[in-house]
Amino acid sequence: MKYLFKLDNQQSTEVINDNLEGWKVVQGTPTMKTWILHTSNDGRMISGVWTATPGTYHATYAEYEFVHIIEGRITISPDGEEPMKVGPGDAFVVEAGFKGTWEIKESVVKHFDIQL
């Protein structure tokens, strides 16, 4: 079994153009694209790249996600809590059960790891 992987760039992976499950547009006409670059040996984690254009989504998370922002700016507002602003170089975690808005201020590129 292989234990170390260098991830291919997204040009060599099929793009998913659909909105993520649990994500609904609430303002503007944002679009998103997702590239899954790796699935763990046990099938419980995926890693990849996600892009989105300006606009606002309301998101409901069923899984844990680690995020590292490469480009762009987002204001994330958990329902009933204070907003968090993130931009290039920022890393953060979204726990399963999160509900709130992602206001994409500038087109975003992020790396992600999701625990399924």
C-alpha atoms as a PDB file:
ATOM      1  CA  MET A   1       0.000   0.000   0.000  1.00  0.00           C
ATOM      2  CA  LYS A   2       1.259   3.479  -0.880  1.00  0.00           C
ATOM      3  CA  TYR A   3       1.586   6.000   1.994  1.00  0.00           C
ATOM      4  CA  LEU A   4       2.915   9.184   0.348  1.00  0.00           C
ATOM      5  CA  PHE A   5       1.238  11.058  -2.504  1.00  0.00           C
ATOM      6  CA  LYS A   6       2.125  14.189  -4.448  1.00  0.00           C
ATOM      7  CA  LEU A   7      -1.182  15.646  -5.568  1.00  0.00           C
ATOM      8  CA  ASP A   8      -1.789  16.298  -9.244  1.00  0.00           C
ATOM      9  CA  ASN A   9      -2.847  19.782 -10.210  1.00  0.00           C
ATOM     10  CA  GLN A  10      -6.506  20.352 -10.926  1.00  0.00           C
ATOM     11  CA  GLN A  11      -6.011  20.481 -14.712  1.00  0.00           C
ATOM     12  CA  SER A  12      -5.501  16.707 -14.705  1.00  0.00           C
ATOM     13  CA  THR A  13      -8.604  15.996 -12.590  1.00  0.00           C
ATOM     14  CA  GLU A  14     -12.274  16.142 -13.554  1.00  0.00           C
ATOM     15  CA  VAL A  15     -13.993  19.325 -12.363  1.00  0.00           C
ATOM     16  CA  ILE A  16     -17.291  19.240 -10.454  1.00  0.00           C
ATOM     17  CA  ASN A  17     -19.338  22.296 -11.474  1.00  0.00           C
ATOM     18  CA  ASP A  18     -22.354  21.669  -9.235  1.00  0.00           C
ATOM     19  CA  ASN A  19     -22.968  23.523  -5.976  1.00  0.00           C
ATOM     20  CA  LEU A  20     -21.917  21.488  -2.951  1.00  0.00           C
ATOM     21  CA  GLU A  21     -24.576  19.559  -1.062  1.00  0.00           C
ATOM     22  CA  GLY A  22     -26.016  21.817   1.638  1.00  0.00           C
ATOM     23  CA  TRP A  23     -24.953  25.051  -0.123  1.00  0.00           C
ATOM     24  CA  LYS A  24     -27.650  27.427  -1.413  1.00  0.00           C
ATOM     25  CA  VAL A  25     -27.153  30.767  -3.177  1.00  0.00           C
ATOM     26  CA  VAL A  26     -28.729  33.570  -1.140  1.00  0.00           C
ATOM     27  CA  GLN A  27     -27.255  36.638  -2.865  1.00  0.00           C
ATOM     28  CA  GLY A  28     -25.780  37.319  -6.289  1.00  0.00           C
ATOM     29  CA  THR A  29     -24.927  34.669  -8.857  1.00  0.00           C
ATOM     30  CA  PRO A  30     -21.815  32.960  -7.495  1.00  0.00           C
ATOM     31  CA  THR A  31     -20.449  29.834  -9.130  1.00  0.00           C
ATOM     32  CA  MET A  32     -18.175  27.175  -7.665  1.00  0.00           C
ATOM     33  CA  LYS A  33     -15.882  24.462  -8.973  1.00  0.00           C
ATOM     34  CA  THR A  34     -14.408  21.544  -7.033  1.00  0.00           C
ATOM     35  CA  TRP A  35     -11.508  19.257  -7.889  1.00  0.00           C
ATOM     36  CA  ILE A  36     -11.020  16.177  -5.697  1.00  0.00           C
ATOM     37  CA  LEU A  37      -7.298  15.468  -5.979  1.00  0.00           C
ATOM     38  CA  HIS A  38      -7.020  12.577  -3.516  1.00  0.00           C
ATOM     39  CA  THR A  39      -9.107  10.134  -1.520  1.00  0.00           C
ATOM     40  CA  SER A  40      -7.399   8.507   1.482  1.00  0.00           C
ATOM     41  CA  ASN A  41      -6.592   4.795   1.448  1.00  0.00           C
ATOM     42  CA  ASP A  42      -9.471   4.111   3.856  1.00  0.00           C
ATOM     43  CA  GLY A  43     -11.899   6.351   1.911  1.00  0.00           C
ATOM     44  CA  ARG A  44     -12.605   8.572   4.937  1.00  0.00           C
ATOM     45  CA  MET A  45     -10.833  11.776   3.751  1.00  0.00           C
ATOM     46  CA  ILE A  46     -10.798  13.754   0.528  1.00  0.00           C
ATOM     47  CA  SER A  47      -8.391  16.538  -0.409  1.00  0.00           C
ATOM     48  CA  GLY A  48      -8.662  19.014  -3.223  1.00  0.00           C
ATOM     49  CA  VAL A  49      -9.132  22.507  -4.585  1.00  0.00           C
ATOM     50  CA  TRP A  50     -12.293  24.638  -4.564  1.00  0.00           C
ATOM     51  CA  THR A  51     -12.924  27.910  -6.362  1.00  0.00           C
ATOM     52  CA  ALA A  52     -15.854  30.319  -6.128  1.00  0.00           C
ATOM     53  CA  THR A  53     -16.834  33.664  -7.616  1.00  0.00           C
ATOM     54  CA  PRO A  54     -18.310  36.586  -5.621  1.00  0.00           C
ATOM     55  CA  GLY A  55     -21.739  36.161  -4.047  1.00  0.00           C
ATOM     56  CA  THR A  56     -23.206  34.614  -0.911  1.00  0.00           C
ATOM     57  CA  TYR A  57     -24.099  31.025  -0.030  1.00  0.00           C
ATOM     58  CA  HIS A  58     -25.844  29.660   3.031  1.00  0.00           C
ATOM     59  CA  ALA A  59     -23.974  26.470   3.916  1.00  0.00           C
ATOM     60  CA  THR A  60     -24.879  23.514   6.107  1.00  0.00           C
ATOM     61  CA  TYR A  61     -21.971  21.190   6.914  1.00  0.00           C
ATOM     62  CA  ALA A  62     -22.399  17.473   7.531  1.00  0.00           C
ATOM     63  CA  GLU A  63     -18.625  16.843   7.690  1.00  0.00           C
ATOM     64  CA  TYR A  64     -15.467  18.349   9.224  1.00  0.00           C
ATOM     65  CA  GLU A  65     -13.368  20.482   6.838  1.00  0.00           C
ATOM     66  CA  PHE A  66      -9.863  21.957   7.068  1.00  0.00           C
ATOM     67  CA  VAL A  67      -9.391  24.963   4.737  1.00  0.00           C
ATOM     68  CA  HIS A  68      -6.346  26.913   3.549  1.00  0.00           C
ATOM     69  CA  ILE A  69      -7.156  30.043   1.510  1.00  0.00           C
ATOM     70  CA  ILE A  70      -4.805  30.569  -1.444  1.00  0.00           C
ATOM     71  CA  GLU A  71      -6.545  33.544  -3.105  1.00  0.00           C
ATOM     72  CA  GLY A  72      -9.543  35.764  -2.430  1.00  0.00           C
ATOM     73  CA  ARG A  73     -11.489  37.024   0.566  1.00  0.00           C
ATOM     74  CA  ILE A  74     -14.512  35.595   2.399  1.00  0.00           C
ATOM     75  CA  THR A  75     -16.632  36.687   5.338  1.00  0.00           C
ATOM     76  CA  ILE A  76     -18.023  33.589   7.067  1.00  0.00           C
ATOM     77  CA  SER A  77     -20.938  34.196   9.430  1.00  0.00           C
ATOM     78  CA  PRO A  78     -22.114  31.263  11.550  1.00  0.00           C
ATOM     79  CA  ASP A  79     -25.849  31.550  12.237  1.00  0.00           C
ATOM     80  CA  GLY A  80     -26.232  33.556  15.472  1.00  0.00           C
ATOM     81  CA  GLU A  81     -22.481  34.193  15.914  1.00  0.00           C
ATOM     82  CA  GLU A  82     -19.892  36.817  15.021  1.00  0.00           C
ATOM     83  CA  PRO A  83     -18.513  36.783  11.448  1.00  0.00           C
ATOM     84  CA  MET A  84     -14.946  35.750  10.637  1.00  0.00           C
ATOM     85  CA  LYS A  85     -12.998  37.314   7.765  1.00  0.00           C
ATOM     86  CA  VAL A  86     -10.431  35.171   5.949  1.00  0.00           C
ATOM     87  CA  GLY A  87      -8.022  35.808   3.107  1.00  0.00           C
ATOM     88  CA  PRO A  88      -4.857  34.558   1.427  1.00  0.00           C
ATOM     89  CA  GLY A  89      -2.694  32.448   3.739  1.00  0.00           C
ATOM     90  CA  ASP A  90      -5.402  31.943   6.364  1.00  0.00           C
ATOM     91  CA  ALA A  91      -6.215  28.421   7.541  1.00  0.00           C
ATOM     92  CA  PHE A  92      -9.270  27.381   9.528  1.00  0.00           C
ATOM     93  CA  VAL A  93     -11.521  24.471  10.438  1.00  0.00           C
ATOM     94  CA  VAL A  94     -15.276  24.119   9.963  1.00  0.00           C
ATOM     95  CA  GLU A  95     -16.816  21.517  12.255  1.00  0.00           C
ATOM     96  CA  ALA A  96     -19.658  19.227  11.184  1.00  0.00           C
ATOM     97  CA  GLY A  97     -22.954  20.878  12.104  1.00  0.00           C
ATOM     98  CA  PHE A  98     -21.908  24.384  10.991  1.00  0.00           C
ATOM     99  CA  LYS A  99     -24.711  26.489   9.512  1.00  0.00           C
ATOM    100  CA  GLY A 100     -24.127  29.986   8.195  1.00  0.00           C
ATOM    101  CA  THR A 101     -23.218  32.193   5.259  1.00  0.00           C
ATOM    102  CA  TRP A 102     -20.088  32.365   3.147  1.00  0.00           C
ATOM    103  CA  GLU A 103     -19.943  35.817   1.559  1.00  0.00           C
ATOM    104  CA  ILE A 104     -17.317  35.612  -1.159  1.00  0.00           C
ATOM    105  CA  LYS A 105     -15.942  39.145  -1.520  1.00  0.00           C
ATOM    106  CA  GLU A 106     -13.200  38.316  -4.068  1.00  0.00           C
ATOM    107  CA  SER A 107     -12.930  35.176  -6.192  1.00  0.00           C
ATOM    108  CA  VAL A 108     -11.559  32.402  -3.992  1.00  0.00           C
ATOM    109  CA  VAL A 109      -9.156  29.500  -4.414  1.00  0.00           C
ATOM    110  CA  LYS A 110      -8.831  27.197  -1.411  1.00  0.00           C
ATOM    111  CA  HIS A 111      -7.239  23.868  -0.580  1.00  0.00           C
ATOM    112  CA  PHE A 112      -9.430  21.586   1.525  1.00  0.00           C
ATOM    113  CA  ASP A 113      -9.420  18.332   3.450  1.00  0.00           C
ATOM    114  CA  ILE A 114     -12.804  16.874   4.333  1.00  0.00           C
ATOM    115  CA  GLN A 115     -13.397  14.001   6.749  1.00  0.00           C
ATOM    116  CA  LEU A 116     -16.239  11.892   5.370  1.00  0.00           C
END
